[in-house]
Amino acid sequence: MADSIMDLTPKPISGKDCTQHAPDIPGAAADISGEKDDKTYIIEIDHISKWFGDKQVLDDVSLFVKKGEFVTILGPSGCGKTTLLRILAGFNLPTEGSVRMNGTDITEIPPHQRPMNTVFQRYALFPHLNVYDNIAFGLKLKKVDEDSIDKQVRRVLKMVGLTDYEERDVESLSGGQQQRVAIARAIINKPQVLLLDEPLAALDLKMRKDMQLELKQMHKELGITFIYVTHDQEEALTLSDTIVVMNKGKVQQIGKPTDIYNEPVNPFVADFIGDSNILNGIMVEDRKVLFMYHEFECVDEGFQPNEHVDVVLRPEDIYIMARNDKGQINGTVQTCIFKGVHYEMTVITDHGYELLIQDYNAFEVGQEVSMIIKPFDIHVMHKERFNNSIHGTLKDSAHIEMLGGLFECEPVEDIESGSDIMVDVEFEDIELMDYTEDGGAAGCVSFILYKGNHYQLTVTSDNGDDIYVYTNEVWDDGDIVGIRILPKDIRNIRRI
């Protein structure tokens, strides 16, 4: 089985995508806008790291936000996005790094002295005050005169669509109306930056979509900088000028929505932003890539000849038709579900790859089909790693301590016991087992990526090291597993 997975023409393996999390991406870019011109940035987050006890939640994050931009920080739960927003707002101090606004260091300035306001997911309205007094609260603290307060409150009430609601009890309002009051209370103070922490998460789908459009219009009218936190990919694509994709406390990619969707830098971004087919491939030469037993023309360049790569195909970019001799690959429809706008189908190719396809036309289950993939619809990415290089300690000539456990190895004669070493282990040479406390290494499944005919898992070991595993077994995100590596599969043992 192991050899079949590594080969680019493997025996069929089936499964479904159940991606949740992704591995850290070393060297992920924190700013794609080129040389930083301090005059164009209102916010500069410079090499921020944050620890809570022994847990690191932000790892060397840098981000530069232009005046008037709508920036969305996007990522799964626990990726550090809200912690980053709280540091920006002043509610948390970073362990390392600094925050500057308009060129001035504000890292240790308290929240109420920063020219920014925050809209929280839970709204934080005052239940004993009506709509008018909730919105006017900040201005009253500043001792603004009553006439000016009245004029400004009525202006923002109109802006958020709550004219004639000023006397209403906030607890009598719907969730969407309460959210508008929270936004009105934030913008009436005319902040230079508005921070929004998953403000639409508590709303139903239709109201959330309506509020997205209203937020976009508010941003256009106000002209201030919005920094928005969400885990909703569609929301980020709809609202943003710039998207910052985060995972495990690190920035994975920064770019325009179209760039993030069409040119993801790694499998996590490709899978997290929309649906994707992510497959192993070989870059035969510039503009020619081999995957699924077929050489395809593509538009990607700058790879080494015969370099192993990851290939991304969006479901809407695969052209499907009744089987004929004009197709590049053939297959059989396994499922067909109507999604309202399009049909979503899974097709098993004649060589055992499972593809997700979206099309306006339905093809019946069991129907034989042909598919065409055009050069501009293929996105090729460098692989993050080609094998597992694992740090360990040589305990004696036949045992290595690594991944939080003790592994037997083939005899090592030229390295002293107690030496720090590195070893290489291929992805397919690691076996995962149901975890027992009988010794050996253990870990947690932290990323599940379906590669068309097998799974690529990331397992975070007990000592914090991440390893990649190729398998055709189904594991769930968060599963605790045992890690088994045979002596013959621990290779290239070397002193460091």
Protein backbone atom coordinates (compact mmCIF):
# COMPACT_ATOMS: atom_id res chain seq x y z
CA MET A 1 0.00 0.00 0.00
CA ALA A 2 2.79 2.41 0.85
CA ASP A 3 4.41 2.24 -2.58
CA SER A 4 1.06 2.67 -4.28
CA ILE A 5 0.47 5.98 -2.54
CA MET A 6 3.84 7.51 -3.36
CA ASP A 7 3.57 6.53 -7.02
CA LEU A 8 1.79 9.12 -9.13
CA THR A 9 -0.06 6.29 -10.85
CA PRO A 10 -1.38 4.53 -7.75
CA LYS A 11 -3.91 1.80 -7.20
CA PRO A 12 -7.37 3.16 -6.41
CA ILE A 13 -8.02 4.40 -2.89
CA SER A 14 -11.32 6.06 -2.01
CA GLY A 15 -12.46 8.52 0.62
CA LYS A 16 -13.95 11.92 1.32
CA ASP A 17 -12.53 15.29 2.25
CA CYS A 18 -12.83 16.10 5.95
CA THR A 19 -10.28 18.88 6.22
CA GLN A 20 -10.35 20.92 9.43
CA HIS A 21 -6.92 22.28 10.19
CA ALA A 22 -3.59 22.68 8.48
CA PRO A 23 0.08 22.45 9.31
CA ASP A 24 2.20 25.46 9.97
CA ILE A 25 3.70 26.93 6.83
CA PRO A 26 7.26 28.08 7.42
CA GLY A 27 8.08 31.42 5.89
CA ALA A 28 4.54 32.34 4.95
CA ALA A 29 4.45 35.91 3.69
CA ALA A 30 3.06 38.51 6.06
CA ASP A 31 2.77 41.29 3.50
CA ILE A 32 2.42 40.95 -0.25
CA SER A 33 2.28 44.62 -1.08
CA GLY A 34 5.98 45.00 -1.77
CA GLU A 35 8.21 47.54 -0.05
CA LYS A 36 6.52 49.01 2.99
CA ASP A 37 5.91 52.74 2.72
CA ASP A 38 5.19 53.96 6.27
CA LYS A 39 3.14 56.89 4.97
CA THR A 40 0.50 54.63 3.41
CA TYR A 41 -0.21 52.50 6.50
CA ILE A 42 -2.50 53.38 9.37
CA ILE A 43 -1.80 50.13 11.26
CA GLU A 44 1.53 48.30 11.50
CA ILE A 45 1.58 45.03 13.41
CA ASP A 46 5.26 44.20 13.69
CA HIS A 47 6.47 40.68 14.64
CA ILE A 48 3.76 40.06 17.23
CA SER A 49 3.95 36.87 19.31
CA LYS A 50 1.65 35.99 22.18
CA TRP A 51 1.89 33.29 24.83
CA PHE A 52 -0.72 32.32 27.40
CA GLY A 53 1.32 30.31 29.89
CA ASP A 54 3.11 27.63 27.89
CA LYS A 55 0.74 27.88 24.91
CA GLN A 56 1.75 30.08 21.98
CA VAL A 57 -1.28 31.51 20.20
CA LEU A 58 0.48 34.01 17.89
CA ASP A 59 3.80 33.29 16.23
CA ASP A 60 5.70 36.23 14.72
CA VAL A 61 2.75 37.89 12.98
CA SER A 62 3.35 41.01 10.90
CA LEU A 63 0.61 42.88 9.07
CA PHE A 64 0.37 46.32 7.48
CA VAL A 65 -3.05 47.90 6.90
CA LYS A 66 -3.61 50.83 4.55
CA LYS A 67 -5.87 53.75 5.39
CA GLY A 68 -9.47 53.11 4.34
CA GLU A 69 -8.92 49.41 3.67
CA PHE A 70 -11.40 46.66 4.56
CA VAL A 71 -9.13 43.92 5.90
CA THR A 72 -10.52 40.57 7.01
CA ILE A 73 -8.56 38.23 9.29
CA LEU A 74 -9.80 34.76 8.39
CA GLY A 75 -9.10 31.38 9.91
CA PRO A 76 -10.51 28.40 11.81
CA SER A 77 -11.38 28.49 15.51
CA GLY A 78 -8.28 28.72 17.67
CA CYS A 79 -6.01 30.14 14.95
CA GLY A 80 -5.27 33.34 16.92
CA LYS A 81 -7.33 35.85 14.94
CA THR A 82 -9.35 37.17 17.88
CA THR A 83 -6.23 37.39 20.05
CA LEU A 84 -4.60 39.49 17.32
CA LEU A 85 -7.63 41.79 17.23
CA ARG A 86 -7.62 42.14 21.03
CA ILE A 87 -3.93 43.11 20.95
CA LEU A 88 -4.73 45.68 18.27
CA ALA A 89 -7.60 47.03 20.40
CA GLY A 90 -5.41 47.17 23.51
CA PHE A 91 -7.27 44.53 25.56
CA ASN A 92 -4.19 42.23 25.53
CA LEU A 93 -0.48 43.00 25.48
CA PRO A 94 1.76 41.06 23.11
CA THR A 95 4.54 38.92 24.54
CA GLU A 96 6.81 40.15 21.76
CA GLY A 97 6.51 42.73 19.00
CA SER A 98 4.81 46.09 18.64
CA VAL A 99 1.72 47.82 17.25
CA ARG A 100 1.97 51.22 15.57
CA MET A 101 -0.80 53.53 14.41
CA ASN A 102 0.00 56.39 12.07
CA GLY A 103 3.66 55.72 12.85
CA THR A 104 3.24 56.01 16.66
CA ASP A 105 3.86 53.03 18.94
CA ILE A 106 0.56 52.25 20.71
CA THR A 107 1.51 48.82 22.08
CA GLU A 108 0.99 49.79 25.71
CA ILE A 109 -1.61 52.51 25.27
CA PRO A 110 -4.91 51.49 26.96
CA PRO A 111 -7.99 50.82 24.79
CA HIS A 112 -9.88 54.01 25.66
CA GLN A 113 -6.97 56.15 24.47
CA ARG A 114 -6.74 54.52 21.03
CA PRO A 115 -8.65 56.17 18.13
CA MET A 116 -10.47 52.95 17.33
CA ASN A 117 -13.66 51.20 18.37
CA THR A 118 -14.59 47.53 18.61
CA VAL A 119 -17.83 45.78 17.67
CA PHE A 120 -18.08 42.46 19.49
CA GLN A 121 -19.89 39.27 18.56
CA ARG A 122 -22.08 39.59 21.68
CA TYR A 123 -22.85 43.29 21.00
CA ALA A 124 -22.25 44.39 24.66
CA LEU A 125 -25.22 46.78 24.66
CA PHE A 126 -26.44 48.35 27.89
CA PRO A 127 -29.78 46.65 28.68
CA HIS A 128 -30.98 49.50 30.91
CA LEU A 129 -30.59 52.10 28.14
CA ASN A 130 -32.74 52.55 25.06
CA VAL A 131 -31.38 52.64 21.50
CA TYR A 132 -30.74 56.39 21.55
CA ASP A 133 -28.85 56.35 24.85
CA ASN A 134 -26.80 53.30 23.89
CA ILE A 135 -25.61 55.07 20.75
CA ALA A 136 -25.06 58.39 22.52
CA PHE A 137 -23.16 56.88 25.45
CA GLY A 138 -19.65 57.57 24.14
CA LEU A 139 -20.44 61.15 23.19
CA LYS A 140 -21.92 61.82 26.63
CA LEU A 141 -18.72 60.54 28.24
CA LYS A 142 -16.85 63.07 26.14
CA LYS A 143 -19.28 65.77 27.37
CA VAL A 144 -20.41 66.70 23.86
CA ASP A 145 -23.29 69.22 23.91
CA GLU A 146 -26.83 67.84 23.64
CA ASP A 147 -27.66 69.41 20.26
CA SER A 148 -24.56 67.92 18.66
CA ILE A 149 -25.26 64.53 20.24
CA ASP A 150 -28.84 64.55 18.92
CA LYS A 151 -27.71 65.48 15.42
CA GLN A 152 -25.02 62.77 15.32
CA VAL A 153 -27.24 60.04 16.80
CA ARG A 154 -29.96 60.68 14.21
CA ARG A 155 -27.37 60.65 11.43
CA VAL A 156 -26.01 57.24 12.38
CA LEU A 157 -29.51 55.86 13.03
CA LYS A 158 -30.31 56.68 9.42
CA MET A 159 -27.05 55.16 8.26
CA VAL A 160 -27.76 51.81 9.97
CA GLY A 161 -31.44 51.76 9.01
CA LEU A 162 -32.90 52.34 12.50
CA THR A 163 -34.65 55.67 12.07
CA ASP A 164 -37.61 55.91 14.51
CA TYR A 165 -36.11 53.21 16.76
CA GLU A 166 -34.43 55.63 19.17
CA GLU A 167 -36.90 55.08 22.03
CA ARG A 168 -36.98 51.29 21.74
CA ASP A 169 -35.69 49.02 24.50
CA VAL A 170 -32.59 47.25 23.08
CA GLU A 171 -33.75 43.89 24.48
CA SER A 172 -36.90 44.12 22.36
CA LEU A 173 -34.85 44.27 19.15
CA SER A 174 -33.96 41.38 16.87
CA GLY A 175 -30.38 40.17 16.66
CA GLY A 176 -29.78 42.08 13.44
CA GLN A 177 -31.19 45.28 14.91
CA GLN A 178 -29.04 44.91 18.03
CA GLN A 179 -26.01 44.45 15.80
CA ARG A 180 -26.83 47.69 14.00
CA VAL A 181 -27.08 49.52 17.32
CA ALA A 182 -23.64 48.16 18.28
CA ILE A 183 -22.19 49.34 14.97
CA ALA A 184 -23.86 52.76 15.31
CA ARG A 185 -22.45 53.15 18.83
CA ALA A 186 -18.97 52.37 17.48
CA ILE A 187 -19.01 54.64 14.43
CA ILE A 188 -20.59 57.67 16.12
CA ASN A 189 -17.25 58.33 17.82
CA LYS A 190 -15.67 58.70 14.38
CA PRO A 191 -12.85 56.21 14.99
CA GLN A 192 -9.99 56.05 12.55
CA VAL A 193 -10.21 52.24 12.71
CA LEU A 194 -13.26 50.06 13.34
CA LEU A 195 -12.53 46.55 14.69
CA LEU A 196 -15.22 43.90 14.20
CA ASP A 197 -14.93 40.55 15.98
CA GLU A 198 -17.21 38.05 14.18
CA PRO A 199 -20.08 40.56 14.46
CA LEU A 200 -22.51 38.55 12.30
CA ALA A 201 -21.91 35.11 13.75
CA ALA A 202 -25.10 35.07 15.86
CA LEU A 203 -27.40 36.02 12.97
CA ASP A 204 -29.37 33.67 10.72
CA LEU A 205 -28.16 33.10 7.17
CA LYS A 206 -30.42 35.59 5.38
CA MET A 207 -29.86 38.34 7.92
CA ARG A 208 -26.11 37.69 7.84
CA LYS A 209 -26.06 38.13 4.06
CA ASP A 210 -28.12 41.31 4.30
CA MET A 211 -25.79 42.71 6.97
CA GLN A 212 -22.76 41.88 4.84
CA LEU A 213 -24.07 44.18 2.11
CA GLU A 214 -24.89 46.88 4.65
CA LEU A 215 -21.43 46.69 6.20
CA LYS A 216 -19.84 47.00 2.78
CA GLN A 217 -21.97 50.07 2.05
CA MET A 218 -21.16 51.59 5.47
CA HIS A 219 -17.46 51.13 4.83
CA LYS A 220 -17.79 52.90 1.51
CA GLU A 221 -19.73 55.81 3.04
CA LEU A 222 -17.59 56.22 6.15
CA GLY A 223 -14.21 55.87 4.44
CA ILE A 224 -12.59 54.57 7.63
CA THR A 225 -10.44 51.48 8.05
CA PHE A 226 -12.30 48.25 8.88
CA ILE A 227 -10.47 45.26 10.39
CA TYR A 228 -12.84 42.33 10.50
CA VAL A 229 -12.41 38.89 12.11
CA THR A 230 -14.35 35.86 10.86
CA HIS A 231 -14.10 32.14 10.23
CA ASP A 232 -16.64 32.40 7.37
CA GLN A 233 -14.85 32.16 4.03
CA GLU A 234 -17.77 33.45 1.97
CA GLU A 235 -18.11 36.44 4.28
CA ALA A 236 -14.42 37.26 3.83
CA LEU A 237 -14.61 36.98 0.04
CA THR A 238 -17.75 39.18 -0.07
CA LEU A 239 -16.59 42.01 2.19
CA SER A 240 -12.85 42.41 1.91
CA ASP A 241 -10.34 44.47 0.04
CA THR A 242 -7.64 42.29 1.60
CA ILE A 243 -7.85 38.89 3.30
CA VAL A 244 -5.34 37.67 5.89
CA VAL A 245 -5.53 33.87 6.20
CA MET A 246 -4.27 32.54 9.54
CA ASN A 247 -3.74 29.09 11.03
CA LYS A 248 -2.10 27.95 14.25
CA GLY A 249 -1.06 31.49 15.13
CA LYS A 250 0.71 32.16 11.83
CA VAL A 251 -0.14 34.15 8.74
CA GLN A 252 -0.52 31.77 5.81
CA GLN A 253 -1.31 34.20 3.00
CA ILE A 254 -2.33 37.83 2.46
CA GLY A 255 -3.97 39.06 -0.72
CA LYS A 256 -7.02 40.26 -2.57
CA PRO A 257 -10.00 37.88 -2.46
CA THR A 258 -9.43 36.86 -6.08
CA ASP A 259 -5.75 36.13 -5.39
CA ILE A 260 -6.53 34.10 -2.27
CA TYR A 261 -9.12 32.04 -4.14
CA ASN A 262 -7.33 31.59 -7.47
CA GLU A 263 -3.68 31.55 -6.32
CA PRO A 264 -3.50 29.86 -2.90
CA VAL A 265 0.06 29.44 -1.62
CA ASN A 266 -0.43 26.12 0.17
CA PRO A 267 -2.96 23.29 0.64
CA PHE A 268 -4.45 24.82 3.78
CA VAL A 269 -5.42 28.05 2.00
CA ALA A 270 -6.60 26.13 -1.07
CA ASP A 271 -8.83 23.90 1.03
CA PHE A 272 -10.01 26.48 3.57
CA ILE A 273 -11.11 29.04 0.97
CA GLY A 274 -13.89 27.32 -0.95
CA ASP A 275 -13.98 23.75 -2.23
CA SER A 276 -10.93 22.26 -3.91
CA ASN A 277 -9.55 19.12 -5.44
CA ILE A 278 -5.93 18.91 -4.27
CA LEU A 279 -3.83 16.22 -5.95
CA ASN A 280 -0.23 15.05 -6.06
CA GLY A 281 1.54 15.85 -9.31
CA ILE A 282 4.88 16.13 -11.07
CA MET A 283 5.93 19.29 -12.88
CA VAL A 284 7.36 17.71 -16.01
CA GLU A 285 8.63 21.06 -17.25
CA ASP A 286 7.42 24.66 -17.37
CA ARG A 287 3.77 24.75 -18.40
CA LYS A 288 3.33 20.98 -18.29
CA VAL A 289 2.21 18.99 -15.24
CA LEU A 290 1.47 15.29 -14.74
CA PHE A 291 -1.35 14.17 -12.47
CA MET A 292 -4.12 11.56 -12.60
CA TYR A 293 -2.16 9.58 -15.23
CA HIS A 294 -2.32 12.46 -17.72
CA GLU A 295 -0.03 15.26 -18.79
CA PHE A 296 -1.85 18.60 -18.76
CA GLU A 297 -0.79 21.93 -20.16
CA CYS A 298 -0.80 24.65 -17.50
CA VAL A 299 0.40 28.25 -17.10
CA ASP A 300 2.75 27.75 -14.14
CA GLU A 301 6.50 28.25 -14.45
CA GLY A 302 9.60 28.35 -12.25
CA PHE A 303 9.60 24.74 -11.05
CA GLN A 304 12.42 22.23 -11.33
CA PRO A 305 12.00 19.54 -14.01
CA ASN A 306 10.13 16.56 -12.53
CA GLU A 307 9.55 18.38 -9.23
CA HIS A 308 6.83 16.86 -7.04
CA VAL A 309 4.04 19.42 -6.61
CA ASP A 310 0.50 19.89 -5.32
CA VAL A 311 -2.16 20.61 -7.94
CA VAL A 312 -5.35 22.54 -7.16
CA LEU A 313 -8.51 22.19 -9.25
CA ARG A 314 -11.60 24.15 -8.25
CA PRO A 315 -14.82 22.11 -8.70
CA GLU A 316 -16.37 24.70 -11.03
CA ASP A 317 -13.31 24.61 -13.31
CA ILE A 318 -13.66 20.97 -14.40
CA TYR A 319 -15.72 20.66 -17.60
CA ILE A 320 -17.90 17.55 -17.57
CA MET A 321 -19.80 15.93 -20.46
CA ALA A 322 -21.21 12.60 -21.52
CA ARG A 323 -18.35 10.20 -22.20
CA ASN A 324 -16.70 10.72 -25.58
CA ASP A 325 -13.27 10.60 -27.18
CA LYS A 326 -12.66 14.35 -26.69
CA GLY A 327 -12.18 14.16 -22.94
CA GLN A 328 -8.77 14.19 -21.23
CA ILE A 329 -9.92 11.88 -18.44
CA ASN A 330 -12.93 9.61 -18.03
CA GLY A 331 -14.93 8.52 -15.02
CA THR A 332 -18.25 7.49 -13.50
CA VAL A 333 -20.62 9.70 -11.51
CA GLN A 334 -20.96 8.56 -7.89
CA THR A 335 -23.22 11.26 -6.43
CA CYS A 336 -25.25 14.19 -7.76
CA ILE A 337 -26.82 16.76 -5.41
CA PHE A 338 -28.77 19.88 -6.39
CA LYS A 339 -27.33 22.89 -4.52
CA GLY A 340 -29.79 25.55 -5.68
CA VAL A 341 -27.49 27.31 -8.14
CA HIS A 342 -25.60 24.31 -9.46
CA TYR A 343 -25.32 20.55 -9.15
CA GLU A 344 -22.50 19.12 -7.06
CA MET A 345 -21.17 15.76 -8.22
CA THR A 346 -18.46 13.35 -7.21
CA VAL A 347 -16.86 11.42 -10.04
CA ILE A 348 -14.47 8.47 -9.73
CA THR A 349 -12.02 8.48 -12.62
CA ASP A 350 -11.09 5.27 -14.43
CA HIS A 351 -7.81 5.30 -12.46
CA GLY A 352 -9.47 5.64 -9.06
CA TYR A 353 -9.28 9.37 -8.29
CA GLU A 354 -12.29 11.02 -6.68
CA LEU A 355 -13.12 14.50 -8.00
CA LEU A 356 -15.64 17.06 -6.78
CA ILE A 357 -17.32 18.83 -9.70
CA GLN A 358 -19.86 21.66 -9.80
CA ASP A 359 -21.87 22.20 -12.96
CA TYR A 360 -25.17 23.72 -14.06
CA ASN A 361 -26.11 20.42 -15.73
CA ALA A 362 -26.93 17.26 -13.80
CA PHE A 363 -25.37 13.90 -14.64
CA GLU A 364 -27.05 10.82 -13.23
CA VAL A 365 -25.41 8.51 -10.72
CA GLY A 366 -23.71 5.70 -12.63
CA GLN A 367 -23.41 7.72 -15.84
CA GLU A 368 -20.06 7.46 -17.63
CA VAL A 369 -18.58 10.89 -18.30
CA SER A 370 -15.54 12.61 -19.75
CA MET A 371 -13.78 15.66 -18.32
CA ILE A 372 -11.61 18.47 -19.66
CA ILE A 373 -9.35 20.70 -17.57
CA LYS A 374 -8.04 23.85 -19.25
CA PRO A 375 -4.52 25.26 -18.63
CA PHE A 376 -5.69 28.44 -16.85
CA ASP A 377 -7.83 26.39 -14.46
CA ILE A 378 -4.85 24.42 -13.09
CA HIS A 379 -2.97 25.93 -10.14
CA VAL A 380 0.35 24.33 -9.23
CA MET A 381 1.94 24.80 -5.78
CA HIS A 382 5.34 23.89 -4.38
CA LYS A 383 5.12 21.11 -1.83
CA GLU A 384 5.69 22.22 1.75
CA ARG A 385 7.95 19.21 2.38
CA PHE A 386 8.95 16.02 0.60
CA ASN A 387 9.48 13.81 3.66
CA ASN A 388 9.48 14.04 7.44
CA SER A 389 12.79 15.31 8.85
CA ILE A 390 12.46 14.60 12.55
CA HIS A 391 14.66 15.80 15.41
CA GLY A 392 15.62 13.25 18.05
CA THR A 393 18.25 11.92 20.44
CA LEU A 394 20.24 8.72 19.90
CA LYS A 395 19.72 6.84 23.18
CA ASP A 396 21.96 3.93 22.18
CA SER A 397 23.09 2.32 18.94
CA ALA A 398 19.63 0.80 18.32
CA HIS A 399 17.16 3.30 19.80
CA ILE A 400 16.11 6.87 19.05
CA GLU A 401 14.01 9.13 21.23
CA MET A 402 11.78 11.31 19.03
CA LEU A 403 8.18 12.51 18.73
CA GLY A 404 7.86 12.04 22.48
CA GLY A 405 8.52 8.29 22.30
CA LEU A 406 11.26 5.69 21.90
CA PHE A 407 11.78 4.01 18.51
CA GLU A 408 13.98 1.11 17.51
CA CYS A 409 16.33 1.78 14.61
CA GLU A 410 18.87 -0.19 12.60
CA PRO A 411 22.31 -0.20 14.30
CA VAL A 412 24.14 3.14 14.29
CA GLU A 413 27.91 2.76 14.68
CA ASP A 414 29.39 6.18 13.92
CA ILE A 415 27.34 8.45 16.23
CA GLU A 416 27.77 8.58 20.01
CA SER A 417 24.86 7.81 22.32
CA GLY A 418 23.22 10.98 23.62
CA SER A 419 23.85 12.90 20.40
CA ASP A 420 21.22 15.16 18.87
CA ILE A 421 20.27 13.79 15.49
CA MET A 422 17.93 14.21 12.55
CA VAL A 423 16.25 11.35 10.72
CA ASP A 424 14.13 11.11 7.58
CA VAL A 425 10.89 9.15 7.37
CA GLU A 426 8.68 9.00 4.27
CA PHE A 427 5.03 9.97 4.64
CA GLU A 428 3.79 6.51 3.70
CA ASP A 429 6.15 4.74 6.13
CA ILE A 430 4.34 5.97 9.24
CA GLU A 431 1.54 3.80 10.58
CA LEU A 432 -1.18 5.21 12.81
CA MET A 433 -2.92 3.03 15.38
CA ASP A 434 -5.67 3.42 17.94
CA TYR A 435 -3.84 4.93 20.88
CA THR A 436 -2.99 2.82 23.92
CA GLU A 437 -0.81 3.82 26.85
CA ASP A 438 1.59 0.92 26.34
CA GLY A 439 4.53 3.16 25.47
CA GLY A 440 5.72 4.43 22.10
CA ALA A 441 4.85 7.77 20.59
CA ALA A 442 1.41 9.32 20.47
CA GLY A 443 -0.10 12.34 18.82
CA CYS A 444 -3.26 14.14 17.71
CA VAL A 445 -4.63 14.38 14.17
CA SER A 446 -4.60 18.11 13.48
CA PHE A 447 -5.10 18.31 9.70
CA ILE A 448 -6.92 16.03 7.26
CA LEU A 449 -6.51 16.66 3.54
CA TYR A 450 -7.95 14.36 0.91
CA LYS A 451 -5.61 14.07 -2.09
CA GLY A 452 -7.98 12.41 -4.54
CA ASN A 453 -7.00 8.81 -3.80
CA HIS A 454 -5.57 8.94 -0.27
CA TYR A 455 -5.49 11.11 2.81
CA GLN A 456 -2.61 13.33 3.86
CA LEU A 457 -2.76 13.79 7.63
CA THR A 458 -0.80 16.09 9.86
CA VAL A 459 -0.26 14.53 13.27
CA THR A 460 1.02 16.71 16.10
CA SER A 461 3.07 14.48 18.38
CA ASP A 462 3.14 14.72 22.17
CA ASN A 463 6.36 16.75 22.02
CA GLY A 464 4.81 19.28 19.59
CA ASP A 465 6.45 18.12 16.34
CA ASP A 466 4.24 17.88 13.26
CA ILE A 467 4.59 14.89 10.93
CA TYR A 468 2.83 14.11 7.65
CA VAL A 469 1.24 10.72 7.10
CA TYR A 470 -0.17 9.20 3.90
CA THR A 471 -2.97 6.72 4.59
CA ASN A 472 -6.16 5.29 3.13
CA GLU A 473 -7.67 4.84 6.59
CA VAL A 474 -10.29 7.29 7.81
CA TRP A 475 -9.37 9.32 10.88
CA ASP A 476 -11.15 12.30 12.39
CA ASP A 477 -9.74 15.67 13.30
CA GLY A 478 -8.69 15.58 16.95
CA ASP A 479 -8.24 11.80 17.12
CA ILE A 480 -5.53 10.67 19.57
CA VAL A 481 -3.37 8.11 17.78
CA GLY A 482 -0.36 5.93 18.32
CA ILE A 483 2.60 6.43 15.96
CA ARG A 484 4.50 3.40 14.65
CA ILE A 485 7.67 3.53 12.53
CA LEU A 486 9.62 0.37 11.68
CA PRO A 487 13.43 0.38 12.08
CA LYS A 488 14.02 -0.01 8.32
CA ASP A 489 11.97 3.11 7.61
CA ILE A 490 14.07 5.43 9.81
CA ARG A 491 16.63 6.65 7.28
CA ASN A 492 19.51 9.07 6.88
CA ILE A 493 20.35 9.26 10.58
CA ARG A 494 22.75 12.17 11.02
CA ARG A 495 24.29 14.18 13.82
CA ILE A 496 23.31 17.86 14.19
